[in-house]
């Protein structure tokens, strides 16, 4: 009898241990691992670009002995430049130039500017594909005066301003820009001429 009881006890113990041993061999399910998706890189402004622009200029011409008056007219031309991005900061250099239809009479004397050009540095701050920037450098213009002797002069000066630019695609951006240009005071055809101008331009650039 004692042997039989001991045998039953051993059998019960064996049955109790069997589920635990079986459970130890069953693989434990793991939570699903989410696939790693890298963050999309922000827009990169680095590279060369060419473009076109159009706009308007409001200038003041001061002719010694004749007086001063406002002269104004349209602008159109082309642009070439290069940007290098450092984090959110963008540094670059840009040159532009083209036709100017700035023409008016000042106290009966004709004053005309047929073309303008600038070479400028640019410093901008980019918010992904949108950038604000300041710019400054050298300005050049052709100035014609009709009295007392008709003459013209290629005048060198300085310019400063700023603008905004937005990338529409990976290669095309649109910009709006303001520049102040000062061409100083110099003699043209026997008349001292002081000319400065405010310009507003819009343009499209193609990056490559």
N, C-alpha and C. Protein backbone atom coordinates (compact mmCIF):
# COMPACT_ATOMS: atom_id res chain seq x y z
N UNK A 1 0.82 -1.21 0.00
CA UNK A 1 0.00 0.00 0.00
C UNK A 1 0.85 1.25 0.00
N UNK A 2 1.84 1.20 0.85
CA UNK A 2 2.76 2.37 0.92
C UNK A 2 3.45 2.60 -0.40
N UNK A 3 3.83 1.51 -1.07
CA UNK A 3 4.52 1.64 -2.37
C UNK A 3 3.59 2.24 -3.40
N UNK A 4 2.31 1.79 -3.33
CA UNK A 4 1.34 2.30 -4.31
C UNK A 4 1.11 3.80 -4.12
N UNK A 5 1.01 4.23 -2.88
CA UNK A 5 0.81 5.67 -2.61
C UNK A 5 1.99 6.49 -3.10
N UNK A 6 3.20 5.97 -2.85
CA UNK A 6 4.40 6.68 -3.31
C UNK A 6 4.44 6.78 -4.82
N UNK A 7 3.98 5.71 -5.49
CA UNK A 7 3.97 5.72 -6.97
C UNK A 7 2.99 6.75 -7.51
N UNK A 8 1.82 6.81 -6.86
CA UNK A 8 0.83 7.82 -7.30
C UNK A 8 1.35 9.23 -7.08
N UNK A 9 2.04 9.46 -5.97
CA UNK A 9 2.58 10.79 -5.68
C UNK A 9 3.62 11.19 -6.71
N UNK A 10 4.47 10.26 -7.10
CA UNK A 10 5.51 10.54 -8.10
C UNK A 10 4.89 10.87 -9.45
N UNK A 11 3.81 10.09 -9.77
CA UNK A 11 3.14 10.34 -11.06
C UNK A 11 2.51 11.73 -11.07
N UNK A 12 1.88 12.13 -9.97
CA UNK A 12 1.25 13.46 -9.87
C UNK A 12 2.28 14.56 -9.99
N UNK A 13 3.44 14.37 -9.37
CA UNK A 13 4.51 15.38 -9.44
C UNK A 13 5.02 15.53 -10.87
N UNK A 14 5.14 14.40 -11.56
CA UNK A 14 5.62 14.42 -12.94
C UNK A 14 4.65 15.16 -13.85
N UNK A 15 3.34 14.88 -13.65
CA UNK A 15 2.32 15.58 -14.45
C UNK A 15 2.32 17.08 -14.16
N UNK A 16 2.58 17.49 -12.93
CA UNK A 16 2.59 18.91 -12.58
C UNK A 16 3.75 19.63 -13.23
N UNK A 17 4.88 18.95 -13.37
CA UNK A 17 6.05 19.60 -13.95
C UNK A 17 6.02 19.65 -15.47
N UNK A 18 5.27 18.75 -16.08
CA UNK A 18 5.27 18.66 -17.55
C UNK A 18 4.79 19.94 -18.24
N UNK A 19 3.66 20.60 -17.85
CA UNK A 19 3.24 21.85 -18.52
C UNK A 19 4.29 22.95 -18.43
N UNK A 20 4.95 23.08 -17.27
CA UNK A 20 5.96 24.13 -17.11
C UNK A 20 7.11 23.90 -18.06
N UNK A 21 7.53 22.62 -18.20
CA UNK A 21 8.63 22.32 -19.10
C UNK A 21 8.22 22.57 -20.54
N UNK A 22 6.95 22.23 -20.86
CA UNK A 22 6.47 22.45 -22.23
C UNK A 22 6.39 23.94 -22.53
N UNK A 23 5.91 24.69 -21.53
CA UNK A 23 5.78 26.14 -21.73
C UNK A 23 7.13 26.79 -21.94
N UNK A 24 8.18 26.25 -21.34
CA UNK A 24 9.51 26.84 -21.49
C UNK A 24 10.01 26.71 -22.91
N UNK A 25 9.52 25.67 -23.62
CA UNK A 25 9.96 25.46 -25.00
C UNK A 25 9.15 26.24 -26.02
N UNK A 26 8.01 26.82 -25.61
CA UNK A 26 7.15 27.56 -26.56
C UNK A 26 7.75 28.94 -26.79
N UNK A 27 7.98 29.35 -28.04
CA UNK A 27 8.55 30.68 -28.30
C UNK A 27 7.60 31.79 -27.88
N UNK A 28 8.16 32.83 -27.29
CA UNK A 28 7.37 33.99 -26.84
C UNK A 28 7.26 34.98 -27.98
N UNK A 29 6.04 35.40 -28.32
CA UNK A 29 5.84 36.36 -29.43
C UNK A 29 6.40 37.73 -29.05
N UNK A 30 7.08 38.36 -30.00
CA UNK A 30 7.67 39.68 -29.79
C UNK A 30 6.81 40.75 -30.46
N UNK A 31 6.78 41.97 -29.91
CA UNK A 31 6.02 43.05 -30.56
C UNK A 31 6.63 43.35 -31.93
N UNK A 32 5.81 43.74 -32.90
CA UNK A 32 6.34 44.02 -34.25
C UNK A 32 7.34 45.17 -34.22
N UNK A 33 8.41 45.04 -34.98
CA UNK A 33 9.43 46.07 -35.07
C UNK A 33 9.10 47.02 -36.22
N UNK A 34 8.95 48.30 -35.91
CA UNK A 34 8.62 49.27 -36.95
C UNK A 34 9.82 49.50 -37.85
N UNK A 35 9.54 49.58 -39.12
CA UNK A 35 10.62 49.82 -40.10
C UNK A 35 11.17 51.23 -39.92
N UNK A 36 12.49 51.37 -39.99
CA UNK A 36 13.13 52.68 -39.86
C UNK A 36 13.00 53.45 -41.16
N UNK A 37 12.39 54.64 -41.08
CA UNK A 37 12.24 55.49 -42.25
C UNK A 37 13.06 56.75 -42.00
N UNK A 38 14.13 56.98 -42.73
CA UNK A 38 14.95 58.17 -42.51
C UNK A 38 14.19 59.45 -42.82
N UNK A 39 14.48 60.51 -42.06
CA UNK A 39 13.85 61.79 -42.31
C UNK A 39 14.25 62.33 -43.68
N UNK A 40 13.27 62.93 -44.34
CA UNK A 40 13.55 63.48 -45.65
C UNK A 40 14.46 64.70 -45.51
N UNK A 41 15.52 64.74 -46.30
CA UNK A 41 16.48 65.85 -46.21
C UNK A 41 15.81 67.14 -46.62
N UNK A 42 16.19 68.27 -45.99
CA UNK A 42 15.65 69.57 -46.34
C UNK A 42 16.20 70.01 -47.69
N UNK A 43 15.55 71.02 -48.28
CA UNK A 43 15.96 71.50 -49.60
C UNK A 43 17.39 72.05 -49.53
N UNK A 44 18.19 71.73 -50.52
CA UNK A 44 19.59 72.15 -50.56
C UNK A 44 19.75 73.26 -51.60
N UNK A 45 20.18 74.45 -51.14
CA UNK A 45 20.34 75.62 -52.02
C UNK A 45 21.70 75.65 -52.71
N UNK A 46 22.58 74.73 -52.41
CA UNK A 46 23.93 74.75 -52.98
C UNK A 46 23.90 74.51 -54.48
N UNK A 47 24.69 75.32 -55.22
CA UNK A 47 24.82 75.08 -56.66
C UNK A 47 24.79 76.36 -57.48
N UNK A 48 25.08 76.20 -58.76
CA UNK A 48 25.03 77.31 -59.71
C UNK A 48 23.60 77.52 -60.20
N UNK A 49 23.31 78.73 -60.64
CA UNK A 49 21.99 79.02 -61.22
C UNK A 49 22.08 80.16 -62.22
N UNK A 50 21.13 80.17 -63.14
CA UNK A 50 20.94 81.28 -64.08
C UNK A 50 19.47 81.67 -64.02
N UNK A 51 19.16 82.89 -64.43
CA UNK A 51 17.78 83.32 -64.34
C UNK A 51 17.47 84.55 -65.16
N UNK A 52 16.23 84.98 -65.07
CA UNK A 52 15.75 86.20 -65.72
C UNK A 52 15.02 87.04 -64.69
N UNK A 53 14.95 88.35 -64.93
CA UNK A 53 14.24 89.23 -64.00
C UNK A 53 13.54 90.35 -64.77
N UNK A 54 12.58 90.95 -64.13
CA UNK A 54 11.91 92.15 -64.63
C UNK A 54 11.48 92.99 -63.45
N UNK A 55 11.39 94.30 -63.65
CA UNK A 55 11.01 95.15 -62.53
C UNK A 55 10.88 96.60 -62.92
N UNK A 56 11.01 97.46 -61.92
CA UNK A 56 10.82 98.90 -62.11
C UNK A 56 11.79 99.66 -61.22
N UNK A 57 12.19 100.84 -61.68
CA UNK A 57 13.14 101.67 -60.92
C UNK A 57 12.58 103.07 -60.76
N UNK A 58 12.77 103.61 -59.55
CA UNK A 58 12.44 105.00 -59.25
C UNK A 58 13.74 105.70 -58.85
N UNK A 59 14.16 106.67 -59.65
CA UNK A 59 15.46 107.31 -59.42
C UNK A 59 15.28 108.81 -59.20
N UNK A 60 16.31 109.40 -58.59
CA UNK A 60 16.36 110.85 -58.44
C UNK A 60 17.63 111.35 -59.10
N UNK A 61 17.48 112.30 -60.04
CA UNK A 61 18.62 112.88 -60.74
C UNK A 61 18.74 114.34 -60.35
N UNK A 62 19.92 114.70 -59.84
CA UNK A 62 20.21 116.07 -59.43
C UNK A 62 21.26 116.64 -60.37
N UNK A 63 20.86 117.61 -61.20
CA UNK A 63 21.76 118.23 -62.17
C UNK A 63 22.14 119.62 -61.67
N UNK A 64 23.42 119.81 -61.36
CA UNK A 64 23.87 121.08 -60.82
C UNK A 64 23.58 122.21 -61.81
N UNK A 65 22.94 123.26 -61.32
CA UNK A 65 22.59 124.41 -62.16
C UNK A 65 21.25 124.27 -62.85
N UNK A 66 20.65 123.06 -62.81
CA UNK A 66 19.35 122.85 -63.45
C UNK A 66 18.28 122.43 -62.45
N UNK A 67 18.66 121.78 -61.40
CA UNK A 67 17.70 121.29 -60.41
C UNK A 67 17.68 119.78 -60.36
N UNK A 68 16.70 119.23 -59.64
CA UNK A 68 16.58 117.78 -59.54
C UNK A 68 15.13 117.37 -59.75
N UNK A 69 14.96 116.11 -60.15
CA UNK A 69 13.62 115.58 -60.40
C UNK A 69 13.69 114.06 -60.37
N UNK A 70 12.51 113.45 -60.30
CA UNK A 70 12.43 112.00 -60.31
C UNK A 70 12.43 111.48 -61.74
N UNK A 71 13.17 110.39 -61.95
CA UNK A 71 13.15 109.68 -63.22
C UNK A 71 12.84 108.23 -62.92
N UNK A 72 12.12 107.57 -63.82
CA UNK A 72 11.72 106.19 -63.55
C UNK A 72 11.53 105.43 -64.85
N UNK A 73 11.46 104.10 -64.72
CA UNK A 73 11.26 103.26 -65.89
C UNK A 73 11.44 101.80 -65.57
N UNK A 74 11.27 100.96 -66.58
CA UNK A 74 11.30 99.52 -66.41
C UNK A 74 12.69 98.93 -66.44
N UNK A 75 12.79 97.68 -66.00
CA UNK A 75 14.05 96.93 -65.98
C UNK A 75 13.78 95.51 -66.48
N UNK A 76 14.74 94.93 -67.18
CA UNK A 76 14.66 93.52 -67.59
C UNK A 76 16.05 93.02 -67.90
N UNK A 77 16.33 91.76 -67.56
CA UNK A 77 17.67 91.24 -67.83
C UNK A 77 17.85 89.82 -67.35
N UNK A 78 19.12 89.45 -67.17
CA UNK A 78 19.47 88.10 -66.77
C UNK A 78 20.33 88.07 -65.53
N UNK A 79 20.42 86.89 -64.92
CA UNK A 79 21.14 86.69 -63.65
C UNK A 79 21.97 85.42 -63.73
N UNK A 80 23.13 85.43 -63.08
CA UNK A 80 23.94 84.23 -62.89
C UNK A 80 24.52 84.27 -61.48
N UNK A 81 24.61 83.11 -60.82
CA UNK A 81 25.11 83.11 -59.45
C UNK A 81 25.46 81.73 -58.94
N UNK A 82 25.94 81.71 -57.70
CA UNK A 82 26.29 80.46 -57.02
C UNK A 82 25.97 80.59 -55.54
N UNK A 83 25.37 79.54 -54.96
CA UNK A 83 25.07 79.46 -53.53
C UNK A 83 25.81 78.29 -52.90
N UNK A 84 26.18 78.47 -51.62
CA UNK A 84 26.73 77.39 -50.81
C UNK A 84 26.01 77.39 -49.48
N UNK A 85 25.39 76.27 -49.10
CA UNK A 85 24.61 76.21 -47.88
C UNK A 85 25.43 75.62 -46.74
N UNK A 86 25.31 76.24 -45.54
CA UNK A 86 25.96 75.77 -44.31
C UNK A 86 24.88 75.68 -43.24
N UNK A 87 24.32 74.48 -43.06
CA UNK A 87 23.18 74.37 -42.15
C UNK A 87 22.00 75.12 -42.74
N UNK A 88 21.46 76.08 -41.97
CA UNK A 88 20.38 76.90 -42.50
C UNK A 88 20.88 78.16 -43.21
N UNK A 89 22.17 78.46 -43.07
CA UNK A 89 22.73 79.67 -43.68
C UNK A 89 23.16 79.40 -45.12
N UNK A 90 22.92 80.38 -45.98
CA UNK A 90 23.28 80.27 -47.39
C UNK A 90 24.11 81.49 -47.78
N UNK A 91 25.32 81.26 -48.29
CA UNK A 91 26.19 82.34 -48.76
C UNK A 91 26.36 82.19 -50.27
N UNK A 92 26.42 83.31 -50.96
CA UNK A 92 26.56 83.22 -52.41
C UNK A 92 27.03 84.51 -53.03
N UNK A 93 27.21 84.46 -54.34
CA UNK A 93 27.58 85.62 -55.13
C UNK A 93 26.68 85.64 -56.36
N UNK A 94 26.27 86.83 -56.76
CA UNK A 94 25.32 86.95 -57.87
C UNK A 94 25.67 88.17 -58.72
N UNK A 95 25.54 88.02 -60.04
CA UNK A 95 25.72 89.12 -60.98
C UNK A 95 24.48 89.20 -61.85
N UNK A 96 24.02 90.41 -62.13
CA UNK A 96 22.90 90.58 -63.04
C UNK A 96 23.11 91.81 -63.90
N UNK A 97 22.34 91.91 -64.95
CA UNK A 97 22.45 93.07 -65.82
C UNK A 97 21.48 92.98 -66.97
N UNK A 98 21.14 94.16 -67.53
CA UNK A 98 20.23 94.16 -68.66
C UNK A 98 19.70 95.55 -68.97
N UNK A 99 18.64 95.55 -69.73
CA UNK A 99 18.03 96.78 -70.23
C UNK A 99 17.39 97.58 -69.11
N UNK A 100 17.48 98.91 -69.23
CA UNK A 100 16.80 99.83 -68.32
C UNK A 100 16.15 100.94 -69.16
N UNK A 101 14.91 101.17 -68.92
CA UNK A 101 14.21 102.24 -69.63
C UNK A 101 13.93 103.43 -68.73
N UNK A 102 14.95 103.89 -68.01
CA UNK A 102 14.80 105.00 -67.06
C UNK A 102 15.06 106.31 -67.81
N UNK A 103 14.06 107.12 -68.01
CA UNK A 103 14.22 108.32 -68.83
C UNK A 103 13.24 109.40 -68.38
N UNK A 104 13.73 110.64 -68.30
CA UNK A 104 12.89 111.77 -67.90
C UNK A 104 13.64 113.07 -68.20
N UNK A 105 12.89 114.17 -68.23
CA UNK A 105 13.52 115.50 -68.35
C UNK A 105 13.58 116.16 -66.99
N UNK A 106 14.74 116.71 -66.68
CA UNK A 106 14.96 117.44 -65.44
C UNK A 106 15.22 118.89 -65.80
N UNK A 107 14.25 119.76 -65.51
CA UNK A 107 14.37 121.19 -65.85
C UNK A 107 14.71 121.37 -67.34
N UNK A 108 14.07 120.59 -68.21
CA UNK A 108 14.30 120.70 -69.64
C UNK A 108 15.49 119.94 -70.16
N UNK A 109 16.23 119.24 -69.28
CA UNK A 109 17.41 118.48 -69.68
C UNK A 109 17.08 116.98 -69.61
N UNK A 110 17.29 116.27 -70.70
CA UNK A 110 16.98 114.83 -70.71
C UNK A 110 18.03 114.05 -69.95
N UNK A 111 17.55 113.12 -69.14
CA UNK A 111 18.42 112.21 -68.39
C UNK A 111 17.92 110.79 -68.68
N UNK A 112 18.83 109.91 -69.08
CA UNK A 112 18.42 108.57 -69.48
C UNK A 112 19.45 107.53 -69.02
N UNK A 113 18.94 106.42 -68.54
CA UNK A 113 19.78 105.25 -68.22
C UNK A 113 19.27 104.08 -69.04
N UNK A 114 20.14 103.54 -69.91
CA UNK A 114 19.71 102.49 -70.83
C UNK A 114 20.04 101.08 -70.33
N UNK A 115 20.98 100.94 -69.40
CA UNK A 115 21.27 99.63 -68.83
C UNK A 115 21.87 99.76 -67.45
N UNK A 116 21.68 98.74 -66.65
CA UNK A 116 22.28 98.67 -65.31
C UNK A 116 22.82 97.27 -65.09
N UNK A 117 23.76 97.16 -64.17
CA UNK A 117 24.33 95.85 -63.81
C UNK A 117 24.82 95.90 -62.36
N UNK A 118 24.78 94.77 -61.68
CA UNK A 118 25.31 94.68 -60.32
C UNK A 118 26.10 93.39 -60.14
N UNK A 119 27.06 93.43 -59.22
CA UNK A 119 27.79 92.24 -58.77
C UNK A 119 27.74 92.28 -57.25
N UNK A 120 27.10 91.27 -56.63
CA UNK A 120 26.79 91.35 -55.21
C UNK A 120 27.07 90.05 -54.47
N UNK A 121 27.36 90.18 -53.20
CA UNK A 121 27.35 89.03 -52.31
C UNK A 121 25.96 88.88 -51.71
N UNK A 122 25.62 87.64 -51.32
CA UNK A 122 24.32 87.38 -50.69
C UNK A 122 24.52 86.51 -49.45
N UNK A 123 23.81 86.87 -48.39
CA UNK A 123 23.77 86.05 -47.18
C UNK A 123 22.29 85.82 -46.85
N UNK A 124 21.91 84.54 -46.79
CA UNK A 124 20.52 84.22 -46.54
C UNK A 124 20.34 83.22 -45.43
N UNK A 125 19.09 83.09 -44.98
CA UNK A 125 18.72 82.09 -43.99
C UNK A 125 17.57 81.29 -44.57
N UNK A 126 17.75 79.97 -44.67
CA UNK A 126 16.78 79.11 -45.35
C UNK A 126 15.85 78.41 -44.36
N UNK A 127 14.57 78.42 -44.69
CA UNK A 127 13.57 77.61 -44.00
C UNK A 127 13.13 76.54 -45.00
N UNK A 128 13.95 75.49 -45.11
CA UNK A 128 13.73 74.45 -46.09
C UNK A 128 13.79 75.06 -47.50
N UNK A 129 12.65 75.11 -48.22
CA UNK A 129 12.68 75.61 -49.60
C UNK A 129 12.32 77.10 -49.71
N UNK A 130 12.35 77.82 -48.59
CA UNK A 130 12.08 79.27 -48.58
C UNK A 130 13.26 79.97 -47.93
N UNK A 131 13.69 81.09 -48.52
CA UNK A 131 14.88 81.79 -48.02
C UNK A 131 14.66 83.30 -48.01
N UNK A 132 15.14 83.94 -46.95
CA UNK A 132 15.23 85.40 -46.90
C UNK A 132 16.71 85.75 -46.95
N UNK A 133 17.05 86.88 -47.59
CA UNK A 133 18.47 87.20 -47.73
C UNK A 133 18.70 88.70 -47.79
N UNK A 134 19.94 89.09 -47.44
CA UNK A 134 20.43 90.44 -47.64
C UNK A 134 21.52 90.39 -48.70
N UNK A 135 21.74 91.50 -49.37
CA UNK A 135 22.70 91.52 -50.47
C UNK A 135 23.31 92.90 -50.62
N UNK A 136 24.55 92.94 -51.12
CA UNK A 136 25.22 94.22 -51.33
C UNK A 136 26.47 94.05 -52.18
N UNK A 137 26.86 95.13 -52.87
CA UNK A 137 28.05 95.06 -53.71
C UNK A 137 28.18 96.26 -54.62
N UNK A 138 28.66 96.02 -55.83
CA UNK A 138 28.93 97.09 -56.79
C UNK A 138 27.79 97.21 -57.80
N UNK A 139 27.56 98.45 -58.25
CA UNK A 139 26.54 98.72 -59.26
C UNK A 139 27.16 99.53 -60.40
N UNK A 140 26.69 99.27 -61.61
CA UNK A 140 27.19 99.97 -62.80
C UNK A 140 25.98 100.40 -63.62
N UNK A 141 26.06 101.59 -64.22
CA UNK A 141 24.96 102.07 -65.06
C UNK A 141 25.49 102.98 -66.16
N UNK A 142 24.77 102.99 -67.26
CA UNK A 142 25.03 103.93 -68.35
C UNK A 142 24.10 105.13 -68.17
N UNK A 143 24.67 106.33 -68.10
CA UNK A 143 23.88 107.54 -67.89
C UNK A 143 24.11 108.51 -69.04
N UNK A 144 23.04 108.91 -69.70
CA UNK A 144 23.09 109.89 -70.80
C UNK A 144 22.44 111.18 -70.35
N UNK A 145 23.09 112.30 -70.65
CA UNK A 145 22.57 113.63 -70.32
C UNK A 145 22.59 114.48 -71.59
N UNK A 146 21.52 115.27 -71.80
CA UNK A 146 21.40 116.03 -73.05
C UNK A 146 21.83 117.47 -73.00
N UNK A 147 22.45 117.98 -71.93
CA UNK A 147 22.85 119.38 -71.87
C UNK A 147 23.96 119.55 -70.84
N UNK A 148 24.77 120.64 -70.94
CA UNK A 148 24.75 121.58 -72.08
C UNK A 148 25.30 120.95 -73.36
N UNK A 149 26.07 119.83 -73.24
CA UNK A 149 26.52 119.09 -74.40
C UNK A 149 26.09 117.64 -74.21
N UNK A 150 25.44 117.04 -75.22
CA UNK A 150 25.00 115.65 -75.10
C UNK A 150 26.20 114.75 -74.85
N UNK A 151 26.10 113.94 -73.81
CA UNK A 151 27.22 113.08 -73.44
C UNK A 151 26.68 111.91 -72.65
N UNK A 152 27.50 110.89 -72.51
CA UNK A 152 27.11 109.76 -71.67
C UNK A 152 28.32 109.30 -70.86
N UNK A 153 28.03 108.57 -69.78
CA UNK A 153 29.09 108.12 -68.89
C UNK A 153 28.70 106.75 -68.33
N UNK A 154 29.69 105.86 -68.19
CA UNK A 154 29.47 104.60 -67.48
C UNK A 154 29.85 104.85 -66.03
N UNK A 155 28.84 104.85 -65.17
CA UNK A 155 29.02 105.25 -63.78
C UNK A 155 29.08 104.03 -62.87
N UNK A 156 30.08 104.01 -61.99
CA UNK A 156 30.22 102.94 -60.99
C UNK A 156 29.73 103.45 -59.64
N UNK A 157 29.01 102.60 -58.91
CA UNK A 157 28.51 102.96 -57.59
C UNK A 157 28.38 101.74 -56.71
N UNK A 158 27.50 101.82 -55.74
CA UNK A 158 27.28 100.71 -54.83
C UNK A 158 25.79 100.42 -54.70
N UNK A 159 25.48 99.22 -54.20
CA UNK A 159 24.09 98.82 -54.05
C UNK A 159 23.92 97.95 -52.81
N UNK A 160 22.74 97.99 -52.22
CA UNK A 160 22.41 97.14 -51.06
C UNK A 160 20.91 96.93 -51.03
N UNK A 161 20.51 95.79 -50.48
CA UNK A 161 19.08 95.51 -50.41
C UNK A 161 18.82 94.14 -49.82
N UNK A 162 17.71 93.56 -50.21
CA UNK A 162 17.34 92.25 -49.69
C UNK A 162 16.18 91.67 -50.48
N UNK A 163 15.84 90.42 -50.16
CA UNK A 163 14.75 89.79 -50.88
C UNK A 163 14.34 88.47 -50.26
N UNK A 164 13.42 87.81 -50.94
CA UNK A 164 12.95 86.49 -50.56
C UNK A 164 12.98 85.61 -51.80
N UNK A 165 13.23 84.31 -51.59
CA UNK A 165 13.27 83.37 -52.71
C UNK A 165 12.65 82.05 -52.26
N UNK A 166 11.84 81.47 -53.13
CA UNK A 166 11.16 80.21 -52.82
C UNK A 166 11.39 79.21 -53.94
N UNK A 167 11.79 77.99 -53.58
CA UNK A 167 11.98 76.93 -54.55
C UNK A 167 10.62 76.34 -54.93
N UNK A 168 10.29 76.39 -56.22
CA UNK A 168 9.03 75.84 -56.70
C UNK A 168 9.17 74.36 -57.04
N UNK A 169 10.36 73.98 -57.54
CA UNK A 169 10.70 72.58 -57.81
C UNK A 169 12.15 72.39 -57.37
N UNK A 170 12.73 71.23 -57.65
CA UNK A 170 14.14 71.00 -57.31
C UNK A 170 15.07 71.91 -58.10
N UNK A 171 14.62 72.43 -59.24
CA UNK A 171 15.49 73.21 -60.10
C UNK A 171 15.04 74.65 -60.34
N UNK A 172 13.80 74.98 -60.04
CA UNK A 172 13.27 76.31 -60.36
C UNK A 172 12.86 77.02 -59.08
N UNK A 173 13.27 78.28 -58.95
CA UNK A 173 12.88 79.11 -57.81
C UNK A 173 12.42 80.47 -58.29
N UNK A 174 11.58 81.11 -57.50
CA UNK A 174 11.07 82.45 -57.80
C UNK A 174 11.53 83.39 -56.70
N UNK A 175 11.82 84.65 -57.06
CA UNK A 175 12.30 85.59 -56.06
C UNK A 175 11.68 86.98 -56.27
N UNK A 176 11.66 87.75 -55.19
CA UNK A 176 11.30 89.16 -55.20
C UNK A 176 12.40 89.90 -54.46
N UNK A 177 12.85 91.03 -55.02
CA UNK A 177 14.05 91.68 -54.49
C UNK A 177 13.94 93.21 -54.57
N UNK A 178 14.45 93.85 -53.52
CA UNK A 178 14.58 95.32 -53.51
C UNK A 178 16.06 95.68 -53.45
N UNK A 179 16.47 96.66 -54.27
CA UNK A 179 17.84 97.16 -54.23
C UNK A 179 17.84 98.69 -54.25
N UNK A 180 18.71 99.27 -53.43
CA UNK A 180 19.01 100.70 -53.52
C UNK A 180 20.35 100.83 -54.24
N UNK A 181 20.42 101.68 -55.25
CA UNK A 181 21.66 101.89 -56.00
C UNK A 181 22.04 103.36 -55.96
N UNK A 182 23.31 103.63 -55.64
CA UNK A 182 23.81 105.00 -55.57
C UNK A 182 25.01 105.12 -56.51
N UNK A 183 24.89 106.01 -57.50
CA UNK A 183 25.95 106.17 -58.50
C UNK A 183 26.77 107.44 -58.29
N UNK A 184 26.58 108.10 -57.15
CA UNK A 184 27.44 109.22 -56.80
C UNK A 184 27.21 110.45 -57.66
N UNK A 185 28.17 111.38 -57.56
CA UNK A 185 28.11 112.68 -58.22
C UNK A 185 29.34 112.83 -59.11
N UNK A 186 29.10 113.03 -60.40
CA UNK A 186 30.22 113.18 -61.33
C UNK A 186 29.78 114.04 -62.50
N UNK A 187 30.76 114.56 -63.25
CA UNK A 187 30.49 115.45 -64.37
C UNK A 187 30.19 114.65 -65.63
N UNK A 188 29.09 115.01 -66.30
CA UNK A 188 28.74 114.42 -67.59
C UNK A 188 28.38 115.57 -68.53
N UNK A 189 29.16 115.74 -69.61
CA UNK A 189 28.87 116.78 -70.60
C UNK A 189 28.86 118.18 -70.03
N UNK A 190 29.73 118.43 -69.06
CA UNK A 190 29.80 119.77 -68.47
C UNK A 190 28.80 120.01 -67.37
N UNK A 191 28.04 118.98 -66.97
CA UNK A 191 27.05 119.12 -65.91
C UNK A 191 27.31 118.08 -64.83
N UNK A 192 27.33 118.52 -63.58
CA UNK A 192 27.49 117.59 -62.48
C UNK A 192 26.17 116.87 -62.23
N UNK A 193 26.21 115.54 -62.30
CA UNK A 193 24.99 114.73 -62.18
C UNK A 193 25.12 113.79 -60.99
N UNK A 194 24.14 113.86 -60.09
CA UNK A 194 24.07 112.96 -58.94
C UNK A 194 22.84 112.08 -59.13
N UNK A 195 23.03 110.75 -59.17
CA UNK A 195 21.92 109.84 -59.46
C UNK A 195 21.88 108.70 -58.45
N UNK A 196 20.70 108.44 -57.88
CA UNK A 196 20.47 107.25 -57.07
C UNK A 196 19.10 106.68 -57.42
N UNK A 197 18.91 105.41 -57.14
CA UNK A 197 17.67 104.75 -57.58
C UNK A 197 17.23 103.68 -56.60
N UNK A 198 15.93 103.45 -56.56
CA UNK A 198 15.32 102.34 -55.83
C UNK A 198 14.72 101.39 -56.87
N UNK A 199 15.02 100.11 -56.77
CA UNK A 199 14.51 99.14 -57.73
C UNK A 199 13.78 98.00 -57.03
N UNK A 200 12.72 97.55 -57.67
CA UNK A 200 11.97 96.37 -57.22
C UNK A 200 11.90 95.41 -58.39
N UNK A 201 12.34 94.15 -58.16
CA UNK A 201 12.41 93.17 -59.25
C UNK A 201 11.82 91.83 -58.81
N UNK A 202 11.26 91.14 -59.78
CA UNK A 202 10.85 89.76 -59.59
C UNK A 202 11.60 88.91 -60.60
N UNK A 203 11.88 87.65 -60.27
CA UNK A 203 12.63 86.83 -61.20
C UNK A 203 12.42 85.34 -61.01
N UNK A 204 12.88 84.58 -61.99
CA UNK A 204 12.90 83.12 -61.93
C UNK A 204 14.32 82.65 -62.13
N UNK A 205 14.77 81.70 -61.30
CA UNK A 205 16.12 81.12 -61.42
C UNK A 205 16.02 79.63 -61.71
N UNK A 206 16.95 79.15 -62.52
CA UNK A 206 17.06 77.73 -62.83
C UNK A 206 18.36 77.21 -62.24
N UNK A 207 18.28 76.25 -61.31
CA UNK A 207 19.45 75.70 -60.62
C UNK A 207 19.90 74.43 -61.32
N UNK A 208 21.23 74.25 -61.37
CA UNK A 208 21.78 73.02 -61.97
C UNK A 208 23.07 72.62 -61.28
